[in-house]
N, C-alpha and C. Protein backbone atom coordinates (compact mmCIF):
# COMPACT_ATOMS: atom_id res chain seq x y z
N MET A 1 15.27 -18.89 -5.40
CA MET A 1 14.97 -17.49 -5.71
C MET A 1 16.31 -16.81 -6.04
N ASP A 2 16.31 -16.04 -7.13
CA ASP A 2 17.57 -15.41 -7.51
C ASP A 2 17.89 -14.25 -6.56
N GLU A 3 19.13 -13.82 -6.61
CA GLU A 3 19.65 -12.83 -5.66
C GLU A 3 18.92 -11.49 -5.73
N ILE A 4 18.61 -11.03 -6.93
CA ILE A 4 17.93 -9.74 -7.09
C ILE A 4 16.54 -9.79 -6.45
N LEU A 5 15.82 -10.87 -6.70
CA LEU A 5 14.48 -11.03 -6.13
C LEU A 5 14.55 -11.14 -4.60
N GLN A 6 15.57 -11.83 -4.12
CA GLN A 6 15.76 -11.97 -2.67
C GLN A 6 16.03 -10.59 -2.03
N GLU A 7 16.87 -9.80 -2.65
CA GLU A 7 17.15 -8.45 -2.15
C GLU A 7 15.89 -7.58 -2.19
N PHE A 8 15.12 -7.72 -3.25
CA PHE A 8 13.87 -6.98 -3.36
C PHE A 8 12.93 -7.34 -2.20
N CYS A 9 12.80 -8.62 -1.91
CA CYS A 9 11.92 -9.06 -0.82
C CYS A 9 12.40 -8.53 0.53
N GLN A 10 13.70 -8.56 0.77
CA GLN A 10 14.25 -8.04 2.02
C GLN A 10 13.99 -6.54 2.15
N GLU A 11 14.25 -5.80 1.10
CA GLU A 11 14.04 -4.35 1.11
C GLU A 11 12.56 -4.03 1.27
N THR A 12 11.71 -4.76 0.58
CA THR A 12 10.27 -4.51 0.68
C THR A 12 9.77 -4.81 2.08
N ASN A 13 10.23 -5.88 2.70
CA ASN A 13 9.84 -6.17 4.08
C ASN A 13 10.25 -5.05 5.03
N SER A 14 11.42 -4.50 4.80
CA SER A 14 11.88 -3.36 5.61
C SER A 14 10.99 -2.14 5.41
N ILE A 15 10.66 -1.85 4.16
CA ILE A 15 9.79 -0.71 3.85
C ILE A 15 8.40 -0.94 4.44
N ILE A 16 7.90 -2.16 4.37
CA ILE A 16 6.59 -2.47 4.93
C ILE A 16 6.55 -2.14 6.42
N SER A 17 7.61 -2.45 7.14
CA SER A 17 7.66 -2.10 8.56
C SER A 17 7.53 -0.60 8.76
N GLU A 18 8.20 0.16 7.91
CA GLU A 18 8.11 1.62 7.99
C GLU A 18 6.70 2.10 7.64
N LEU A 19 6.08 1.49 6.63
CA LEU A 19 4.73 1.86 6.23
C LEU A 19 3.72 1.60 7.35
N VAL A 20 3.86 0.46 8.00
CA VAL A 20 2.96 0.12 9.10
C VAL A 20 3.11 1.13 10.24
N SER A 21 4.34 1.50 10.53
CA SER A 21 4.59 2.50 11.57
C SER A 21 3.92 3.83 11.24
N ILE A 22 4.03 4.25 10.00
CA ILE A 22 3.38 5.50 9.56
C ILE A 22 1.87 5.39 9.74
N LEU A 23 1.29 4.28 9.33
CA LEU A 23 -0.16 4.10 9.43
C LEU A 23 -0.62 4.04 10.89
N GLU A 24 0.16 3.39 11.74
CA GLU A 24 -0.20 3.35 13.16
C GLU A 24 -0.22 4.75 13.75
N ASN A 25 0.73 5.58 13.36
CA ASN A 25 0.75 6.96 13.83
C ASN A 25 -0.43 7.75 13.28
N LEU A 26 -0.81 7.49 12.04
CA LEU A 26 -1.95 8.18 11.44
C LEU A 26 -3.27 7.85 12.14
N GLU A 27 -3.36 6.66 12.70
CA GLU A 27 -4.58 6.30 13.42
C GLU A 27 -4.84 7.25 14.59
N SER A 28 -3.78 7.67 15.25
CA SER A 28 -3.95 8.57 16.39
C SER A 28 -3.81 10.05 16.00
N LYS A 29 -3.22 10.30 14.84
CA LYS A 29 -3.04 11.68 14.37
C LYS A 29 -3.46 11.82 12.91
N PRO A 30 -4.78 11.75 12.64
CA PRO A 30 -5.22 11.80 11.24
C PRO A 30 -5.00 13.17 10.58
N ASP A 31 -4.56 14.14 11.34
CA ASP A 31 -4.27 15.45 10.75
C ASP A 31 -2.80 15.61 10.37
N ASP A 32 -2.04 14.52 10.46
CA ASP A 32 -0.62 14.55 10.07
C ASP A 32 -0.51 14.23 8.58
N PHE A 33 -0.84 15.21 7.77
CA PHE A 33 -0.89 15.02 6.32
C PHE A 33 0.49 14.74 5.72
N SER A 34 1.54 15.23 6.38
CA SER A 34 2.89 14.96 5.88
C SER A 34 3.24 13.47 6.01
N ALA A 35 2.60 12.79 6.95
CA ALA A 35 2.84 11.34 7.10
C ALA A 35 2.31 10.59 5.87
N LEU A 36 1.20 11.06 5.33
CA LEU A 36 0.67 10.43 4.11
C LEU A 36 1.62 10.65 2.94
N GLU A 37 2.23 11.83 2.88
CA GLU A 37 3.21 12.08 1.82
C GLU A 37 4.42 11.17 2.00
N ALA A 38 4.86 10.98 3.24
CA ALA A 38 5.99 10.07 3.51
C ALA A 38 5.62 8.64 3.12
N PHE A 39 4.39 8.25 3.40
CA PHE A 39 3.91 6.93 3.00
C PHE A 39 4.02 6.79 1.48
N GLY A 40 3.54 7.80 0.76
CA GLY A 40 3.59 7.78 -0.69
C GLY A 40 5.01 7.63 -1.24
N GLN A 41 5.94 8.33 -0.60
CA GLN A 41 7.34 8.25 -1.05
C GLN A 41 7.92 6.86 -0.82
N LYS A 42 7.58 6.27 0.31
CA LYS A 42 8.12 4.94 0.62
C LYS A 42 7.50 3.85 -0.26
N VAL A 43 6.17 3.93 -0.45
CA VAL A 43 5.53 2.92 -1.28
C VAL A 43 5.95 3.08 -2.75
N ASP A 44 6.37 4.28 -3.12
CA ASP A 44 6.89 4.51 -4.48
C ASP A 44 8.14 3.66 -4.73
N ARG A 45 8.94 3.44 -3.70
CA ARG A 45 10.13 2.60 -3.84
C ARG A 45 9.74 1.16 -4.17
N ILE A 46 8.70 0.67 -3.50
CA ILE A 46 8.21 -0.68 -3.79
C ILE A 46 7.68 -0.73 -5.22
N MET A 47 6.89 0.29 -5.57
CA MET A 47 6.28 0.34 -6.91
C MET A 47 7.35 0.29 -8.00
N GLY A 48 8.35 1.13 -7.89
CA GLY A 48 9.38 1.19 -8.92
C GLY A 48 10.14 -0.11 -9.07
N ALA A 49 10.53 -0.68 -7.94
CA ALA A 49 11.27 -1.95 -7.99
C ALA A 49 10.38 -3.08 -8.51
N ALA A 50 9.13 -3.11 -8.07
CA ALA A 50 8.21 -4.18 -8.52
C ALA A 50 8.00 -4.10 -10.03
N LYS A 51 7.80 -2.90 -10.52
CA LYS A 51 7.59 -2.74 -11.97
C LYS A 51 8.84 -3.13 -12.75
N SER A 52 10.01 -2.78 -12.23
CA SER A 52 11.25 -3.13 -12.96
C SER A 52 11.50 -4.64 -12.94
N LEU A 53 10.96 -5.32 -11.93
CA LEU A 53 11.09 -6.78 -11.85
C LEU A 53 9.90 -7.49 -12.51
N GLU A 54 9.04 -6.71 -13.15
CA GLU A 54 7.86 -7.21 -13.84
C GLU A 54 6.88 -7.92 -12.90
N LEU A 55 6.80 -7.41 -11.67
CA LEU A 55 5.80 -7.86 -10.71
C LEU A 55 4.64 -6.87 -10.85
N HIS A 56 3.87 -7.05 -11.90
CA HIS A 56 2.89 -6.06 -12.32
C HIS A 56 1.78 -5.82 -11.30
N LYS A 57 1.30 -6.87 -10.68
CA LYS A 57 0.21 -6.69 -9.70
C LYS A 57 0.70 -5.92 -8.48
N MET A 58 1.88 -6.26 -8.00
CA MET A 58 2.42 -5.53 -6.86
C MET A 58 2.70 -4.08 -7.25
N GLY A 59 3.20 -3.88 -8.44
CA GLY A 59 3.44 -2.53 -8.92
C GLY A 59 2.15 -1.73 -8.99
N SER A 60 1.09 -2.36 -9.45
CA SER A 60 -0.21 -1.67 -9.57
C SER A 60 -0.80 -1.33 -8.21
N ILE A 61 -0.76 -2.27 -7.27
CA ILE A 61 -1.29 -1.99 -5.93
C ILE A 61 -0.46 -0.90 -5.26
N SER A 62 0.84 -0.95 -5.42
CA SER A 62 1.71 0.08 -4.85
C SER A 62 1.42 1.45 -5.46
N GLU A 63 1.19 1.46 -6.75
CA GLU A 63 0.87 2.72 -7.43
C GLU A 63 -0.46 3.29 -6.92
N LEU A 64 -1.43 2.41 -6.72
CA LEU A 64 -2.72 2.83 -6.17
C LEU A 64 -2.54 3.43 -4.77
N CYS A 65 -1.74 2.78 -3.94
CA CYS A 65 -1.46 3.28 -2.59
C CYS A 65 -0.79 4.65 -2.64
N LYS A 66 0.16 4.79 -3.53
CA LYS A 66 0.86 6.07 -3.67
C LYS A 66 -0.11 7.17 -4.06
N THR A 67 -0.92 6.92 -5.06
CA THR A 67 -1.87 7.92 -5.54
C THR A 67 -2.87 8.30 -4.46
N ILE A 68 -3.42 7.30 -3.80
CA ILE A 68 -4.43 7.56 -2.76
C ILE A 68 -3.81 8.32 -1.59
N SER A 69 -2.60 7.95 -1.20
CA SER A 69 -1.99 8.65 -0.06
C SER A 69 -1.71 10.11 -0.39
N TYR A 70 -1.23 10.38 -1.60
CA TYR A 70 -0.97 11.77 -1.99
C TYR A 70 -2.27 12.58 -2.09
N LYS A 71 -3.30 11.98 -2.67
CA LYS A 71 -4.59 12.68 -2.81
C LYS A 71 -5.18 12.99 -1.43
N ALA A 72 -5.10 12.03 -0.51
CA ALA A 72 -5.63 12.25 0.84
C ALA A 72 -4.84 13.34 1.56
N ALA A 73 -3.53 13.36 1.36
CA ALA A 73 -2.71 14.41 1.98
C ALA A 73 -3.10 15.78 1.46
N GLN A 74 -3.35 15.86 0.18
CA GLN A 74 -3.73 17.14 -0.43
C GLN A 74 -5.12 17.60 0.01
N SER A 75 -5.97 16.66 0.38
CA SER A 75 -7.35 17.01 0.74
C SER A 75 -7.44 17.76 2.06
N LYS A 76 -6.49 17.50 2.95
CA LYS A 76 -6.50 18.10 4.30
C LYS A 76 -7.81 17.76 5.03
N ASN A 77 -8.36 16.57 4.76
CA ASN A 77 -9.64 16.14 5.32
C ASN A 77 -9.37 14.95 6.26
N THR A 78 -9.50 15.18 7.57
CA THR A 78 -9.17 14.12 8.52
C THR A 78 -10.15 12.94 8.44
N GLU A 79 -11.38 13.19 8.07
CA GLU A 79 -12.35 12.10 7.90
C GLU A 79 -11.89 11.17 6.76
N LEU A 80 -11.44 11.76 5.68
CA LEU A 80 -10.93 10.97 4.56
C LEU A 80 -9.66 10.23 4.97
N VAL A 81 -8.79 10.88 5.72
CA VAL A 81 -7.54 10.24 6.15
C VAL A 81 -7.83 8.97 6.95
N THR A 82 -8.86 9.01 7.78
CA THR A 82 -9.24 7.83 8.57
C THR A 82 -9.62 6.67 7.66
N ILE A 83 -10.39 6.95 6.62
CA ILE A 83 -10.80 5.93 5.66
C ILE A 83 -9.60 5.43 4.86
N VAL A 84 -8.79 6.37 4.41
CA VAL A 84 -7.60 6.02 3.62
C VAL A 84 -6.63 5.17 4.43
N THR A 85 -6.47 5.51 5.70
CA THR A 85 -5.56 4.74 6.56
C THR A 85 -6.01 3.29 6.64
N ALA A 86 -7.31 3.07 6.80
CA ALA A 86 -7.83 1.69 6.85
C ALA A 86 -7.56 0.97 5.52
N PHE A 87 -7.80 1.68 4.41
CA PHE A 87 -7.52 1.08 3.10
C PHE A 87 -6.03 0.73 2.96
N LEU A 88 -5.18 1.66 3.36
CA LEU A 88 -3.74 1.44 3.20
C LEU A 88 -3.25 0.28 4.06
N PHE A 89 -3.82 0.11 5.25
CA PHE A 89 -3.48 -1.06 6.07
C PHE A 89 -3.80 -2.35 5.30
N GLU A 90 -4.98 -2.40 4.71
CA GLU A 90 -5.37 -3.59 3.93
C GLU A 90 -4.44 -3.80 2.74
N ALA A 91 -4.12 -2.73 2.05
CA ALA A 91 -3.24 -2.84 0.87
C ALA A 91 -1.84 -3.31 1.27
N VAL A 92 -1.33 -2.81 2.39
CA VAL A 92 -0.02 -3.25 2.86
C VAL A 92 -0.06 -4.75 3.20
N ASP A 93 -1.17 -5.19 3.79
CA ASP A 93 -1.31 -6.63 4.05
C ASP A 93 -1.27 -7.45 2.76
N VAL A 94 -1.87 -6.93 1.71
CA VAL A 94 -1.84 -7.61 0.41
C VAL A 94 -0.40 -7.66 -0.13
N ILE A 95 0.32 -6.56 -0.01
CA ILE A 95 1.72 -6.55 -0.46
C ILE A 95 2.54 -7.55 0.35
N LYS A 96 2.28 -7.62 1.65
CA LYS A 96 2.98 -8.60 2.51
C LYS A 96 2.70 -10.02 2.01
N GLU A 97 1.44 -10.29 1.67
CA GLU A 97 1.07 -11.61 1.17
C GLU A 97 1.81 -11.92 -0.13
N MET A 98 1.90 -10.93 -1.00
CA MET A 98 2.62 -11.14 -2.27
C MET A 98 4.09 -11.45 -2.01
N ILE A 99 4.71 -10.69 -1.11
CA ILE A 99 6.13 -10.91 -0.80
C ILE A 99 6.33 -12.31 -0.20
N SER A 100 5.43 -12.68 0.70
CA SER A 100 5.52 -14.01 1.31
C SER A 100 5.45 -15.10 0.24
N ASN A 101 4.54 -14.93 -0.72
CA ASN A 101 4.42 -15.91 -1.80
C ASN A 101 5.69 -15.96 -2.65
N ILE A 102 6.24 -14.81 -2.95
CA ILE A 102 7.48 -14.76 -3.74
C ILE A 102 8.62 -15.44 -2.99
N GLU A 103 8.71 -15.17 -1.69
CA GLU A 103 9.77 -15.79 -0.88
C GLU A 103 9.65 -17.31 -0.83
N LYS A 104 8.43 -17.81 -0.99
CA LYS A 104 8.19 -19.26 -1.02
C LYS A 104 8.40 -19.85 -2.40
N GLY A 105 8.80 -18.99 -3.36
CA GLY A 105 9.03 -19.46 -4.71
C GLY A 105 7.77 -19.52 -5.55
N GLN A 106 6.70 -18.91 -5.07
CA GLN A 106 5.44 -18.88 -5.79
C GLN A 106 5.34 -17.56 -6.56
N SER A 107 4.21 -17.38 -7.22
CA SER A 107 3.99 -16.14 -7.96
C SER A 107 3.50 -15.06 -7.00
N GLU A 108 3.32 -13.87 -7.53
CA GLU A 108 2.82 -12.76 -6.72
C GLU A 108 1.31 -12.83 -6.52
N GLU A 109 0.68 -13.89 -6.97
CA GLU A 109 -0.77 -14.03 -6.85
C GLU A 109 -1.19 -13.93 -5.39
N ILE A 110 -2.40 -13.43 -5.19
CA ILE A 110 -2.94 -13.30 -3.84
C ILE A 110 -4.27 -14.05 -3.75
N SER A 111 -4.70 -14.28 -2.54
CA SER A 111 -5.93 -15.03 -2.33
C SER A 111 -7.14 -14.23 -2.80
N PRO A 112 -8.20 -14.92 -3.17
CA PRO A 112 -9.41 -14.22 -3.61
C PRO A 112 -9.95 -13.26 -2.53
N ILE A 113 -9.81 -13.62 -1.26
CA ILE A 113 -10.30 -12.73 -0.20
C ILE A 113 -9.52 -11.42 -0.20
N SER A 114 -8.23 -11.46 -0.49
CA SER A 114 -7.43 -10.24 -0.57
C SER A 114 -7.87 -9.36 -1.72
N VAL A 115 -8.20 -9.98 -2.84
CA VAL A 115 -8.70 -9.24 -4.00
C VAL A 115 -10.01 -8.55 -3.63
N LYS A 116 -10.91 -9.29 -2.99
CA LYS A 116 -12.20 -8.72 -2.58
C LYS A 116 -12.01 -7.57 -1.59
N THR A 117 -11.06 -7.71 -0.69
CA THR A 117 -10.79 -6.65 0.29
C THR A 117 -10.37 -5.37 -0.40
N ILE A 118 -9.45 -5.47 -1.34
CA ILE A 118 -8.97 -4.29 -2.06
C ILE A 118 -10.11 -3.68 -2.88
N GLN A 119 -10.87 -4.53 -3.55
CA GLN A 119 -12.00 -4.02 -4.35
C GLN A 119 -13.02 -3.31 -3.46
N GLY A 120 -13.33 -3.89 -2.32
CA GLY A 120 -14.30 -3.30 -1.40
C GLY A 120 -13.81 -1.98 -0.84
N ALA A 121 -12.54 -1.94 -0.45
CA ALA A 121 -11.97 -0.71 0.11
C ALA A 121 -11.91 0.39 -0.93
N THR A 122 -11.57 0.03 -2.15
CA THR A 122 -11.53 1.02 -3.23
C THR A 122 -12.93 1.56 -3.49
N GLY A 123 -13.93 0.68 -3.45
CA GLY A 123 -15.31 1.11 -3.62
C GLY A 123 -15.75 2.07 -2.52
N ALA A 124 -15.32 1.81 -1.28
CA ALA A 124 -15.66 2.69 -0.16
C ALA A 124 -15.05 4.07 -0.36
N LEU A 125 -13.84 4.12 -0.87
CA LEU A 125 -13.21 5.42 -1.14
C LEU A 125 -13.98 6.17 -2.21
N GLY A 126 -14.41 5.46 -3.24
CA GLY A 126 -15.19 6.09 -4.30
C GLY A 126 -16.49 6.64 -3.76
N TYR A 127 -17.13 5.89 -2.87
CA TYR A 127 -18.38 6.35 -2.26
C TYR A 127 -18.15 7.62 -1.46
N PHE A 128 -17.03 7.68 -0.73
CA PHE A 128 -16.73 8.87 0.08
C PHE A 128 -16.61 10.09 -0.82
N TYR A 129 -15.90 9.96 -1.93
CA TYR A 129 -15.72 11.08 -2.84
C TYR A 129 -17.04 11.51 -3.48
N GLU A 130 -17.88 10.53 -3.82
CA GLU A 130 -19.17 10.84 -4.43
C GLU A 130 -20.09 11.57 -3.43
N ALA A 131 -19.99 11.21 -2.15
CA ALA A 131 -20.86 11.79 -1.14
C ALA A 131 -20.48 13.23 -0.81
N LYS A 132 -19.29 13.64 -1.12
CA LYS A 132 -18.82 15.00 -0.78
C LYS A 132 -19.27 16.02 -1.75
């Protein structure tokens, strides 16, 4: 693995730890809307670096996380934050899987179950918005 990719993986793993901490706090304080904004800012760092390294899938998932976290923060809806937090935990796990694969010298591809999880969680968010 080249040096730039190695640094990206190290930095992303560090950011992932911060993201998990934010999400764990949101589980007990779903009214902490500023935490969702902080999540969005941190995942934006992953998104930008992934896109510049042409890791398109990771960039796309990170962008989705950023958008969803900002929208949930703006909603000021604690019920939505609970759903979004669960989605973001799943998405962070997918990013972790991608980083692990890259560190092993593989592609950013993820398992079919991870794809289904993201698709299912995104569908649940859409259902929540439609029901409101």
